[in-house]
Amino acid sequence: SIAHRGLSSSGSSQEPPEPPKCPQEAAPGEELAWGEEPVP
């Protein structure tokens, strides 16, 4: 229900290919999304 649907009026969902990882769940060495700071 909170996924971004884009501006499509046809009702088709235009979701991003892969949502960013939940930061507290990221494994050591995984890339962080959108400027997240690394967890020591």
Full PDB file with SEQRES, HELIX, SHEET, SSBOND, CRYST1, ORIGX, SCALE, CONECT and MASTER records, all heavy atoms in Angstrom:
SEQRES   1 A   40  SER ILE ALA HIS ARG GLY LEU SER SER SER GLY SER SER          
SEQRES   2 A   40  GLN GLU PRO PRO GLU PRO PRO LYS CYS PRO GLN GLU ALA          
SEQRES   3 A   40  ALA PRO GLY GLU GLU LEU ALA TRP GLY GLU GLU PRO VAL          
SEQRES   4 A   40  PRO                                                          
HELIX    1 AA1 PRO A   23  GLU A   25  5                                   3    
CRYST1    1.000    1.000    1.000  90.00  90.00  90.00 P 1           1          
ORIGX1      1.000000  0.000000  0.000000        0.00000                         
ORIGX2      0.000000  1.000000  0.000000        0.00000                         
ORIGX3      0.000000  0.000000  1.000000        0.00000                         
SCALE1      1.000000  0.000000  0.000000        0.00000                         
SCALE2      0.000000  1.000000  0.000000        0.00000                         
SCALE3      0.000000  0.000000  1.000000        0.00000                         
ATOM      1  N   SER A   1       0.815  -1.219   0.000  1.00  0.00           N  
ATOM      2  CA  SER A   1       0.000   0.000   0.000  1.00  0.00           C  
ATOM      3  C   SER A   1       0.851   1.272   0.000  1.00  0.00           C  
ATOM      4  O   SER A   1       0.369   2.322  -0.389  1.00  0.00           O  
ATOM      5  CB  SER A   1      -0.969   0.008   1.194  1.00  0.00           C  
ATOM      6  OG  SER A   1      -0.282   0.279   2.398  1.00  0.00           O  
ATOM      7  N   ILE A   2       2.119   1.169   0.427  1.00  0.00           N  
ATOM      8  CA  ILE A   2       2.957   2.373   0.429  1.00  0.00           C  
ATOM      9  C   ILE A   2       3.956   2.378  -0.719  1.00  0.00           C  
ATOM     10  O   ILE A   2       4.706   3.331  -0.884  1.00  0.00           O  
ATOM     11  CB  ILE A   2       3.698   2.564   1.775  1.00  0.00           C  
ATOM     12  CG1 ILE A   2       4.631   1.401   2.061  1.00  0.00           C  
ATOM     13  CG2 ILE A   2       2.704   2.813   2.895  1.00  0.00           C  
ATOM     14  CD1 ILE A   2       5.508   1.611   3.277  1.00  0.00           C  
ATOM     15  N   ALA A   3       3.964   1.303  -1.535  1.00  0.00           N  
ATOM     16  CA  ALA A   3       4.883   1.244  -2.668  1.00  0.00           C  
ATOM     17  C   ALA A   3       4.554   2.363  -3.646  1.00  0.00           C  
ATOM     18  O   ALA A   3       3.387   2.664  -3.888  1.00  0.00           O  
ATOM     19  CB  ALA A   3       4.782  -0.115  -3.349  1.00  0.00           C  
ATOM     20  N   HIS A   4       5.584   2.963  -4.208  1.00  0.00           N  
ATOM     21  CA  HIS A   4       5.392   4.056  -5.156  1.00  0.00           C  
ATOM     22  C   HIS A   4       4.813   3.506  -6.441  1.00  0.00           C  
ATOM     23  O   HIS A   4       5.355   2.586  -7.038  1.00  0.00           O  
ATOM     24  CB  HIS A   4       6.731   4.758  -5.416  1.00  0.00           C  
ATOM     25  CG  HIS A   4       6.579   6.010  -6.224  1.00  0.00           C  
ATOM     26  ND1 HIS A   4       5.655   6.974  -5.916  1.00  0.00           N  
ATOM     27  CD2 HIS A   4       7.233   6.443  -7.324  1.00  0.00           C  
ATOM     28  CE1 HIS A   4       5.755   7.962  -6.802  1.00  0.00           C  
ATOM     29  NE2 HIS A   4       6.700   7.663  -7.659  1.00  0.00           N  
ATOM     30  N   ARG A   5       3.705   4.074  -6.881  1.00  0.00           N  
ATOM     31  CA  ARG A   5       3.011   3.590  -8.066  1.00  0.00           C  
ATOM     32  C   ARG A   5       3.348   4.401  -9.314  1.00  0.00           C  
ATOM     33  O   ARG A   5       2.851   4.132 -10.373  1.00  0.00           O  
ATOM     34  CB  ARG A   5       1.501   3.637  -7.855  1.00  0.00           C  
ATOM     35  CG  ARG A   5       1.037   2.854  -6.667  1.00  0.00           C  
ATOM     36  CD  ARG A   5       0.653   1.460  -7.067  1.00  0.00           C  
ATOM     37  NE  ARG A   5       0.100   0.720  -5.964  1.00  0.00           N  
ATOM     38  CZ  ARG A   5       0.806  -0.081  -5.184  1.00  0.00           C  
ATOM     39  NH1 ARG A   5       2.078  -0.219  -5.344  1.00  0.00           N  
ATOM     40  NH2 ARG A   5       0.222  -0.754  -4.217  1.00  0.00           N  
ATOM     41  N   GLY A   6       4.151   5.431  -9.180  1.00  0.00           N  
ATOM     42  CA  GLY A   6       4.467   6.262 -10.346  1.00  0.00           C  
ATOM     43  C   GLY A   6       3.279   7.129 -10.707  1.00  0.00           C  
ATOM     44  O   GLY A   6       2.321   7.241  -9.967  1.00  0.00           O  
ATOM     45  N   LEU A   7       3.317   7.741 -11.873  1.00  0.00           N  
ATOM     46  CA  LEU A   7       2.253   8.641 -12.297  1.00  0.00           C  
ATOM     47  C   LEU A   7       1.313   7.956 -13.275  1.00  0.00           C  
ATOM     48  O   LEU A   7       0.519   8.602 -13.934  1.00  0.00           O  
ATOM     49  CB  LEU A   7       2.863   9.904 -12.942  1.00  0.00           C  
ATOM     50  CG  LEU A   7       3.791  10.691 -12.016  1.00  0.00           C  
ATOM     51  CD1 LEU A   7       4.447  11.833 -12.760  1.00  0.00           C  
ATOM     52  CD2 LEU A   7       3.025  11.211 -10.815  1.00  0.00           C  
ATOM     53  N   SER A   8       1.402   6.661 -13.408  1.00  0.00           N  
ATOM     54  CA  SER A   8       0.579   5.921 -14.355  1.00  0.00           C  
ATOM     55  C   SER A   8      -0.879   5.959 -13.920  1.00  0.00           C  
ATOM     56  O   SER A   8      -1.216   5.634 -12.794  1.00  0.00           O  
ATOM     57  CB  SER A   8       1.059   4.472 -14.406  1.00  0.00           C  
ATOM     58  OG  SER A   8       0.158   3.699 -15.140  1.00  0.00           O  
ATOM     59  N   SER A   9      -1.759   6.349 -14.834  1.00  0.00           N  
ATOM     60  CA  SER A   9      -3.184   6.387 -14.500  1.00  0.00           C  
ATOM     61  C   SER A   9      -3.852   5.073 -14.883  1.00  0.00           C  
ATOM     62  O   SER A   9      -5.015   4.873 -14.603  1.00  0.00           O  
ATOM     63  CB  SER A   9      -3.864   7.553 -15.213  1.00  0.00           C  
ATOM     64  OG  SER A   9      -3.679   7.417 -16.615  1.00  0.00           O  
ATOM     65  N   SER A  10      -3.132   4.166 -15.551  1.00  0.00           N  
ATOM     66  CA  SER A  10      -3.716   2.889 -15.962  1.00  0.00           C  
ATOM     67  C   SER A  10      -3.838   1.933 -14.775  1.00  0.00           C  
ATOM     68  O   SER A  10      -4.426   0.874 -14.907  1.00  0.00           O  
ATOM     69  CB  SER A  10      -2.850   2.238 -17.047  1.00  0.00           C  
ATOM     70  OG  SER A  10      -1.581   1.922 -16.515  1.00  0.00           O  
ATOM     71  N   GLY A  11      -3.267   2.300 -13.642  1.00  0.00           N  
ATOM     72  CA  GLY A  11      -3.350   1.463 -12.451  1.00  0.00           C  
ATOM     73  C   GLY A  11      -2.245   0.428 -12.391  1.00  0.00           C  
ATOM     74  O   GLY A  11      -2.154  -0.311 -11.441  1.00  0.00           O  
ATOM     75  N   SER A  12      -1.398   0.387 -13.421  1.00  0.00           N  
ATOM     76  CA  SER A  12      -0.304  -0.583 -13.363  1.00  0.00           C  
ATOM     77  C   SER A  12       0.786  -0.056 -12.456  1.00  0.00           C  
ATOM     78  O   SER A  12       1.085   1.126 -12.445  1.00  0.00           O  
ATOM     79  CB  SER A  12       0.258  -0.850 -14.763  1.00  0.00           C  
ATOM     80  OG  SER A  12       0.884   0.313 -15.256  1.00  0.00           O  
ATOM     81  N   SER A  13       1.346  -0.949 -11.715  1.00  0.00           N  
ATOM     82  CA  SER A  13       2.353  -0.570 -10.727  1.00  0.00           C  
ATOM     83  C   SER A  13       3.712  -0.397 -11.384  1.00  0.00           C  
ATOM     84  O   SER A  13       4.136  -1.228 -12.165  1.00  0.00           O  
ATOM     85  CB  SER A  13       2.400  -1.656  -9.660  1.00  0.00           C  
ATOM     86  OG  SER A  13       3.539  -1.524  -8.880  1.00  0.00           O  
ATOM     87  N   GLN A  14       4.394   0.695 -11.081  1.00  0.00           N  
ATOM     88  CA  GLN A  14       5.742   0.925 -11.577  1.00  0.00           C  
ATOM     89  C   GLN A  14       6.668   0.990 -10.383  1.00  0.00           C  
ATOM     90  O   GLN A  14       6.982   2.049  -9.881  1.00  0.00           O  
ATOM     91  CB  GLN A  14       5.816   2.245 -12.357  1.00  0.00           C  
ATOM     92  CG  GLN A  14       4.949   2.259 -13.596  1.00  0.00           C  
ATOM     93  CD  GLN A  14       4.982   3.609 -14.261  1.00  0.00           C  
ATOM     94  OE1 GLN A  14       5.575   4.559 -13.765  1.00  0.00           O  
ATOM     95  NE2 GLN A  14       4.335   3.713 -15.396  1.00  0.00           N  
ATOM     96  N   GLU A  15       7.071  -0.161  -9.900  1.00  0.00           N  
ATOM     97  CA  GLU A  15       7.868  -0.230  -8.688  1.00  0.00           C  
ATOM     98  C   GLU A  15       9.344  -0.180  -9.017  1.00  0.00           C  
ATOM     99  O   GLU A  15       9.756  -0.625 -10.081  1.00  0.00           O  
ATOM    100  CB  GLU A  15       7.553  -1.521  -7.938  1.00  0.00           C  
ATOM    101  CG  GLU A  15       6.060  -1.690  -7.755  1.00  0.00           C  
ATOM    102  CD  GLU A  15       5.692  -2.319  -6.446  1.00  0.00           C  
ATOM    103  OE1 GLU A  15       6.576  -2.546  -5.616  1.00  0.00           O  
ATOM    104  OE2 GLU A  15       4.509  -2.581  -6.260  1.00  0.00           O  
ATOM    105  N   PRO A  16      10.165   0.318  -8.108  1.00  0.00           N  
ATOM    106  CA  PRO A  16      11.601   0.294  -8.336  1.00  0.00           C  
ATOM    107  C   PRO A  16      12.070  -1.153  -8.417  1.00  0.00           C  
ATOM    108  O   PRO A  16      11.477  -2.038  -7.805  1.00  0.00           O  
ATOM    109  CB  PRO A  16      12.193   1.006  -7.116  1.00  0.00           C  
ATOM    110  CG  PRO A  16      11.117   1.000  -6.097  1.00  0.00           C  
ATOM    111  CD  PRO A  16       9.822   0.896  -6.827  1.00  0.00           C  
ATOM    112  N   PRO A  17      13.138  -1.420  -9.172  1.00  0.00           N  
ATOM    113  CA  PRO A  17      13.581  -2.795  -9.364  1.00  0.00           C  
ATOM    114  C   PRO A  17      13.892  -3.529  -8.059  1.00  0.00           C  
ATOM    115  O   PRO A  17      13.469  -4.647  -7.871  1.00  0.00           O  
ATOM    116  CB  PRO A  17      14.840  -2.665 -10.220  1.00  0.00           C  
ATOM    117  CG  PRO A  17      15.180  -1.216 -10.251  1.00  0.00           C  
ATOM    118  CD  PRO A  17      13.975  -0.450  -9.818  1.00  0.00           C  
ATOM    119  N   GLU A  18      14.617  -2.931  -7.162  1.00  0.00           N  
ATOM    120  CA  GLU A  18      14.997  -3.584  -5.906  1.00  0.00           C  
ATOM    121  C   GLU A  18      14.945  -2.547  -4.800  1.00  0.00           C  
ATOM    122  O   GLU A  18      15.690  -1.581  -4.820  1.00  0.00           O  
ATOM    123  CB  GLU A  18      16.416  -4.141  -6.031  1.00  0.00           C  
ATOM    124  CG  GLU A  18      17.000  -4.686  -4.750  1.00  0.00           C  
ATOM    125  CD  GLU A  18      16.611  -6.122  -4.480  1.00  0.00           C  
ATOM    126  OE1 GLU A  18      16.231  -6.821  -5.425  1.00  0.00           O  
ATOM    127  OE2 GLU A  18      16.678  -6.533  -3.324  1.00  0.00           O  
ATOM    128  N   PRO A  19      14.040  -2.689  -3.795  1.00  0.00           N  
ATOM    129  CA  PRO A  19      14.015  -1.692  -2.726  1.00  0.00           C  
ATOM    130  C   PRO A  19      15.298  -1.761  -1.912  1.00  0.00           C  
ATOM    131  O   PRO A  19      15.914  -2.820  -1.804  1.00  0.00           O  
ATOM    132  CB  PRO A  19      12.799  -2.093  -1.886  1.00  0.00           C  
ATOM    133  CG  PRO A  19      12.537  -3.510  -2.213  1.00  0.00           C  
ATOM    134  CD  PRO A  19      13.083  -3.754  -3.596  1.00  0.00           C  
ATOM    135  N   PRO A  20      15.699  -0.632  -1.342  1.00  0.00           N  
ATOM    136  CA  PRO A  20      16.919  -0.636  -0.525  1.00  0.00           C  
ATOM    137  C   PRO A  20      16.737  -1.509   0.698  1.00  0.00           C  
ATOM    138  O   PRO A  20      15.627  -1.699   1.176  1.00  0.00           O  
ATOM    139  CB  PRO A  20      17.087   0.838  -0.136  1.00  0.00           C  
ATOM    140  CG  PRO A  20      15.747   1.446  -0.324  1.00  0.00           C  
ATOM    141  CD  PRO A  20      15.044   0.647  -1.385  1.00  0.00           C  
ATOM    142  N   LYS A  21      17.823  -2.028   1.196  1.00  0.00           N  
ATOM    143  CA  LYS A  21      17.795  -2.897   2.372  1.00  0.00           C  
ATOM    144  C   LYS A  21      17.425  -2.092   3.614  1.00  0.00           C  
ATOM    145  O   LYS A  21      17.721  -0.924   3.722  1.00  0.00           O  
ATOM    146  CB  LYS A  21      19.183  -3.517   2.598  1.00  0.00           C  
ATOM    147  CG  LYS A  21      19.616  -4.354   1.411  1.00  0.00           C  
ATOM    148  CD  LYS A  21      19.832  -5.768   1.852  1.00  0.00           C  
ATOM    149  CE  LYS A  21      20.303  -6.632   0.732  1.00  0.00           C  
ATOM    150  NZ  LYS A  21      19.265  -7.345   0.039  1.00  0.00           N  
ATOM    151  N   CYS A  22      16.776  -2.739   4.533  1.00  0.00           N  
ATOM    152  CA  CYS A  22      16.472  -2.159   5.834  1.00  0.00           C  
ATOM    153  C   CYS A  22      17.824  -2.017   6.541  1.00  0.00           C  
ATOM    154  O   CYS A  22      18.487  -3.027   6.777  1.00  0.00           O  
ATOM    155  CB  CYS A  22      15.544  -3.105   6.585  1.00  0.00           C  
ATOM    156  SG  CYS A  22      14.770  -2.430   8.030  1.00  0.00           S  
ATOM    157  N   PRO A  23      18.301  -0.801   6.862  1.00  0.00           N  
ATOM    158  CA  PRO A  23      19.676  -0.629   7.347  1.00  0.00           C  
ATOM    159  C   PRO A  23      20.054  -1.500   8.523  1.00  0.00           C  
ATOM    160  O   PRO A  23      21.151  -2.025   8.548  1.00  0.00           O  
ATOM    161  CB  PRO A  23      19.748   0.844   7.729  1.00  0.00           C  
ATOM    162  CG  PRO A  23      18.631   1.495   7.034  1.00  0.00           C  
ATOM    163  CD  PRO A  23      17.576   0.438   6.808  1.00  0.00           C  
ATOM    164  N   GLN A  24      19.161  -1.680   9.500  1.00  0.00           N  
ATOM    165  CA  GLN A  24      19.572  -2.465  10.653  1.00  0.00           C  
ATOM    166  C   GLN A  24      19.686  -3.939  10.307  1.00  0.00           C  
ATOM    167  O   GLN A  24      20.195  -4.714  11.086  1.00  0.00           O  
ATOM    168  CB  GLN A  24      18.649  -2.251  11.859  1.00  0.00           C  
ATOM    169  CG  GLN A  24      17.238  -2.765  11.679  1.00  0.00           C  
ATOM    170  CD  GLN A  24      16.284  -1.685  11.256  1.00  0.00           C  
ATOM    171  OE1 GLN A  24      16.615  -0.811  10.492  1.00  0.00           O  
ATOM    172  NE2 GLN A  24      15.062  -1.736  11.751  1.00  0.00           N  
ATOM    173  N   GLU A  25      19.234  -4.344   9.103  1.00  0.00           N  
ATOM    174  CA  GLU A  25      19.306  -5.733   8.686  1.00  0.00           C  
ATOM    175  C   GLU A  25      20.481  -5.987   7.741  1.00  0.00           C  
ATOM    176  O   GLU A  25      20.755  -7.115   7.394  1.00  0.00           O  
ATOM    177  CB  GLU A  25      18.003  -6.129   7.961  1.00  0.00           C  
ATOM    178  CG  GLU A  25      16.759  -5.948   8.802  1.00  0.00           C  
ATOM    179  CD  GLU A  25      16.595  -7.016   9.849  1.00  0.00           C  
ATOM    180  OE1 GLU A  25      17.225  -8.065   9.735  1.00  0.00           O  
ATOM    181  OE2 GLU A  25      15.822  -6.799  10.781  1.00  0.00           O  
ATOM    182  N   ALA A  26      21.150  -4.924   7.247  1.00  0.00           N  
ATOM    183  CA  ALA A  26      22.209  -5.094   6.254  1.00  0.00           C  
ATOM    184  C   ALA A  26      23.373  -5.887   6.845  1.00  0.00           C  
ATOM    185  O   ALA A  26      23.793  -5.653   7.965  1.00  0.00           O  
ATOM    186  CB  ALA A  26      22.696  -3.736   5.774  1.00  0.00           C  
ATOM    187  N   ALA A  27      23.867  -6.813   6.047  1.00  0.00           N  
ATOM    188  CA  ALA A  27      25.009  -7.611   6.481  1.00  0.00           C  
ATOM    189  C   ALA A  27      26.280  -6.797   6.324  1.00  0.00           C  
ATOM    190  O   ALA A  27      26.337  -5.892   5.490  1.00  0.00           O  
ATOM    191  CB  ALA A  27      25.092  -8.886   5.655  1.00  0.00           C  
ATOM    192  N   PRO A  28      27.319  -7.071   7.116  1.00  0.00           N  
ATOM    193  CA  PRO A  28      28.571  -6.334   6.976  1.00  0.00           C  
ATOM    194  C   PRO A  28      29.088  -6.440   5.547  1.00  0.00           C  
ATOM    195  O   PRO A  28      29.047  -7.503   4.953  1.00  0.00           O  
ATOM    196  CB  PRO A  28      29.521  -7.040   7.941  1.00  0.00           C  
ATOM    197  CG  PRO A  28      28.631  -7.760   8.905  1.00  0.00           C  
ATOM    198  CD  PRO A  28      27.370  -8.075   8.161  1.00  0.00           C  
ATOM    199  N   GLY A  29      29.496  -5.304   4.993  1.00  0.00           N  
ATOM    200  CA  GLY A  29      30.045  -5.278   3.652  1.00  0.00           C  
ATOM    201  C   GLY A  29      29.004  -5.037   2.572  1.00  0.00           C  
ATOM    202  O   GLY A  29      29.339  -4.765   1.441  1.00  0.00           O  
ATOM    203  N   GLU A  30      27.692  -5.126   2.908  1.00  0.00           N  
ATOM    204  CA  GLU A  30      26.670  -4.843   1.903  1.00  0.00           C  
ATOM    205  C   GLU A  30      26.637  -3.355   1.633  1.00  0.00           C  
ATOM    206  O   GLU A  30      26.884  -2.538   2.513  1.00  0.00           O  
ATOM    207  CB  GLU A  30      25.278  -5.271   2.401  1.00  0.00           C  
ATOM    208  CG  GLU A  30      25.043  -6.746   2.314  1.00  0.00           C  
ATOM    209  CD  GLU A  30      23.585  -7.090   2.640  1.00  0.00           C  
ATOM    210  OE1 GLU A  30      22.711  -6.203   2.537  1.00  0.00           O  
ATOM    211  OE2 GLU A  30      23.339  -8.244   2.990  1.00  0.00           O  
ATOM    212  N   GLU A  31      26.282  -3.010   0.392  1.00  0.00           N  
ATOM    213  CA  GLU A  31      26.192  -1.590   0.049  1.00  0.00           C  
ATOM    214  C   GLU A  31      24.982  -0.987   0.730  1.00  0.00           C  
ATOM    215  O   GLU A  31      23.952  -1.626   0.874  1.00  0.00           O  
ATOM    216  CB  GLU A  31      26.047  -1.434  -1.465  1.00  0.00           C  
ATOM    217  CG  GLU A  31      27.345  -1.636  -2.191  1.00  0.00           C  
ATOM    218  CD  GLU A  31      27.227  -1.229  -3.648  1.00  0.00           C  
ATOM    219  OE1 GLU A  31      26.487  -0.285  -3.952  1.00  0.00           O  
ATOM    220  OE2 GLU A  31      27.884  -1.868  -4.460  1.00  0.00           O  
ATOM    221  N   LEU A  32      25.113   0.260   1.133  1.00  0.00           N  
ATOM    222  CA  LEU A  32      24.006   0.964   1.758  1.00  0.00           C  
ATOM    223  C   LEU A  32      23.321   1.815   0.699  1.00  0.00           C  
ATOM    224  O   LEU A  32      23.942   2.225  -0.272  1.00  0.00           O  
ATOM    225  CB  LEU A  32      24.520   1.853   2.894  1.00  0.00           C  
ATOM    226  CG  LEU A  32      25.190   1.085   4.037  1.00  0.00           C  
ATOM    227  CD1 LEU A  32      25.826   2.056   5.009  1.00  0.00           C  
ATOM    228  CD2 LEU A  32      24.196   0.210   4.751  1.00  0.00           C  
ATOM    229  N   ALA A  33      22.046   2.064   0.898  1.00  0.00           N  
ATOM    230  CA  ALA A  33      21.281   2.821  -0.083  1.00  0.00           C  
ATOM    231  C   ALA A  33      21.170   4.281   0.304  1.00  0.00           C  
ATOM    232  O   ALA A  33      21.280   4.646   1.466  1.00  0.00           O  
ATOM    233  CB  ALA A  33      19.885   2.220  -0.194  1.00  0.00           C  
ATOM    234  N   TRP A  34      20.955   5.124  -0.660  1.00  0.00           N  
ATOM    235  CA  TRP A  34      20.721   6.562  -0.582  1.00  0.00           C  
ATOM    236  C   TRP A  34      21.413   7.260   0.578  1.00  0.00           C  
ATOM    237  O   TRP A  34      20.785   7.831   1.430  1.00  0.00           O  
ATOM    238  CB  TRP A  34      19.237   6.954  -0.600  1.00  0.00           C  
ATOM    239  CG  TRP A  34      18.230   5.881  -0.386  1.00  0.00           C  
ATOM    240  CD1 TRP A  34      17.651   5.125  -1.346  1.00  0.00           C  
ATOM    241  CD2 TRP A  34      17.696   5.404   0.848  1.00  0.00           C  
ATOM    242  NE1 TRP A  34      16.822   4.214  -0.800  1.00  0.00           N  
ATOM    243  CE2 TRP A  34      16.813   4.370   0.545  1.00  0.00           C  
ATOM    244  CE3 TRP A  34      17.875   5.728   2.172  1.00  0.00           C  
ATOM    245  CZ2 TRP A  34      16.110   3.681   1.516  1.00  0.00           C  
ATOM    246  CZ3 TRP A  34      17.176   5.046   3.121  1.00  0.00           C  
ATOM    247  CH2 TRP A  34      16.307   4.045   2.786  1.00  0.00           C  
ATOM    248  N   GLY A  35      22.715   7.192   0.583  1.00  0.00           N  
ATOM    249  CA  GLY A  35      23.516   7.980   1.525  1.00  0.00           C  
ATOM    250  C   GLY A  35      23.458   7.531   2.967  1.00  0.00           C  
ATOM    251  O   GLY A  35      23.754   8.301   3.870  1.00  0.00           O  
ATOM    252  N   GLU A  36      23.083   6.289   3.213  1.00  0.00           N  
ATOM    253  CA  GLU A  36      23.058   5.815   4.592  1.00  0.00           C  
ATOM    254  C   GLU A  36      24.485   5.733   5.120  1.00  0.00           C  
ATOM    255  O   GLU A  36      25.417   5.474   4.378  1.00  0.00           O  
ATOM    256  CB  GLU A  36      22.443   4.421   4.658  1.00  0.00           C  
ATOM    257  CG  GLU A  36      20.995   4.404   4.292  1.00  0.00           C  
ATOM    258  CD  GLU A  36      20.464   2.989   4.227  1.00  0.00           C  
ATOM    259  OE1 GLU A  36      21.234   2.035   4.271  1.00  0.00           O  
ATOM    260  OE2 GLU A  36      19.258   2.867   4.106  1.00  0.00           O  
ATOM    261  N   GLU A  37      24.606   5.969   6.384  1.00  0.00           N  
ATOM    262  CA  GLU A  37      25.920   5.875   6.995  1.00  0.00           C  
ATOM    263  C   GLU A  37      26.175   4.435   7.397  1.00  0.00           C  
ATOM    264  O   GLU A  37      25.276   3.737   7.844  1.00  0.00           O  
ATOM    265  CB  GLU A  37      25.991   6.793   8.215  1.00  0.00           C  
ATOM    266  CG  GLU A  37      25.838   8.236   7.818  1.00  0.00           C  
ATOM    267  CD  GLU A  37      26.270   9.179   8.908  1.00  0.00           C  
ATOM    268  OE1 GLU A  37      26.996   8.760   9.831  1.00  0.00           O  
ATOM    269  OE2 GLU A  37      25.892  10.339   8.819  1.00  0.00           O  
ATOM    270  N   PRO A  38      27.404   3.979   7.245  1.00  0.00           N  
ATOM    271  CA  PRO A  38      27.691   2.595   7.619  1.00  0.00           C  
ATOM    272  C   PRO A  38      27.564   2.379   9.124  1.00  0.00           C  
ATOM    273  O   PRO A  38      27.832   3.282   9.910  1.00  0.00           O  
ATOM    274  CB  PRO A  38      29.138   2.389   7.174  1.00  0.00           C  
ATOM    275  CG  PRO A  38      29.709   3.754   7.027  1.00  0.00           C  
ATOM    276  CD  PRO A  38      28.555   4.688   6.750  1.00  0.00           C  
ATOM    277  N   VAL A  39      27.132   1.205   9.473  1.00  0.00           N  
ATOM    278  CA  VAL A  39      27.015   0.836  10.886  1.00  0.00           C  
ATOM    279  C   VAL A  39      28.329   0.176  11.277  1.00  0.00           C  
ATOM    280  O   VAL A  39      28.777  -0.750  10.625  1.00  0.00           O  
ATOM    281  CB  VAL A  39      25.861  -0.167  11.086  1.00  0.00           C  
ATOM    282  CG1 VAL A  39      25.766  -0.593  12.526  1.00  0.00           C  
ATOM    283  CG2 VAL A  39      24.563   0.432  10.607  1.00  0.00           C  
ATOM    284  N   PRO A  40      28.991   0.677  12.337  1.00  0.00           N  
ATOM    285  CA  PRO A  40      30.250   0.046  12.730  1.00  0.00           C  
ATOM    286  C   PRO A  40      30.017  -1.408  13.138  1.00  0.00           C  
ATOM    287  O   PRO A  40      29.114  -1.705  13.894  1.00  0.00           O  
ATOM    288  CB  PRO A  40      30.736   0.873  13.921  1.00  0.00           C  
ATOM    289  CG  PRO A  40      29.651   1.825  14.241  1.00  0.00           C  
ATOM    290  CD  PRO A  40      28.602   1.757  13.187  1.00  0.00           C  
TER     291      PRO A  40                                                      
MASTER        0    0    0    1    0    0    0    6  290    1    0    4          
END                                                                             
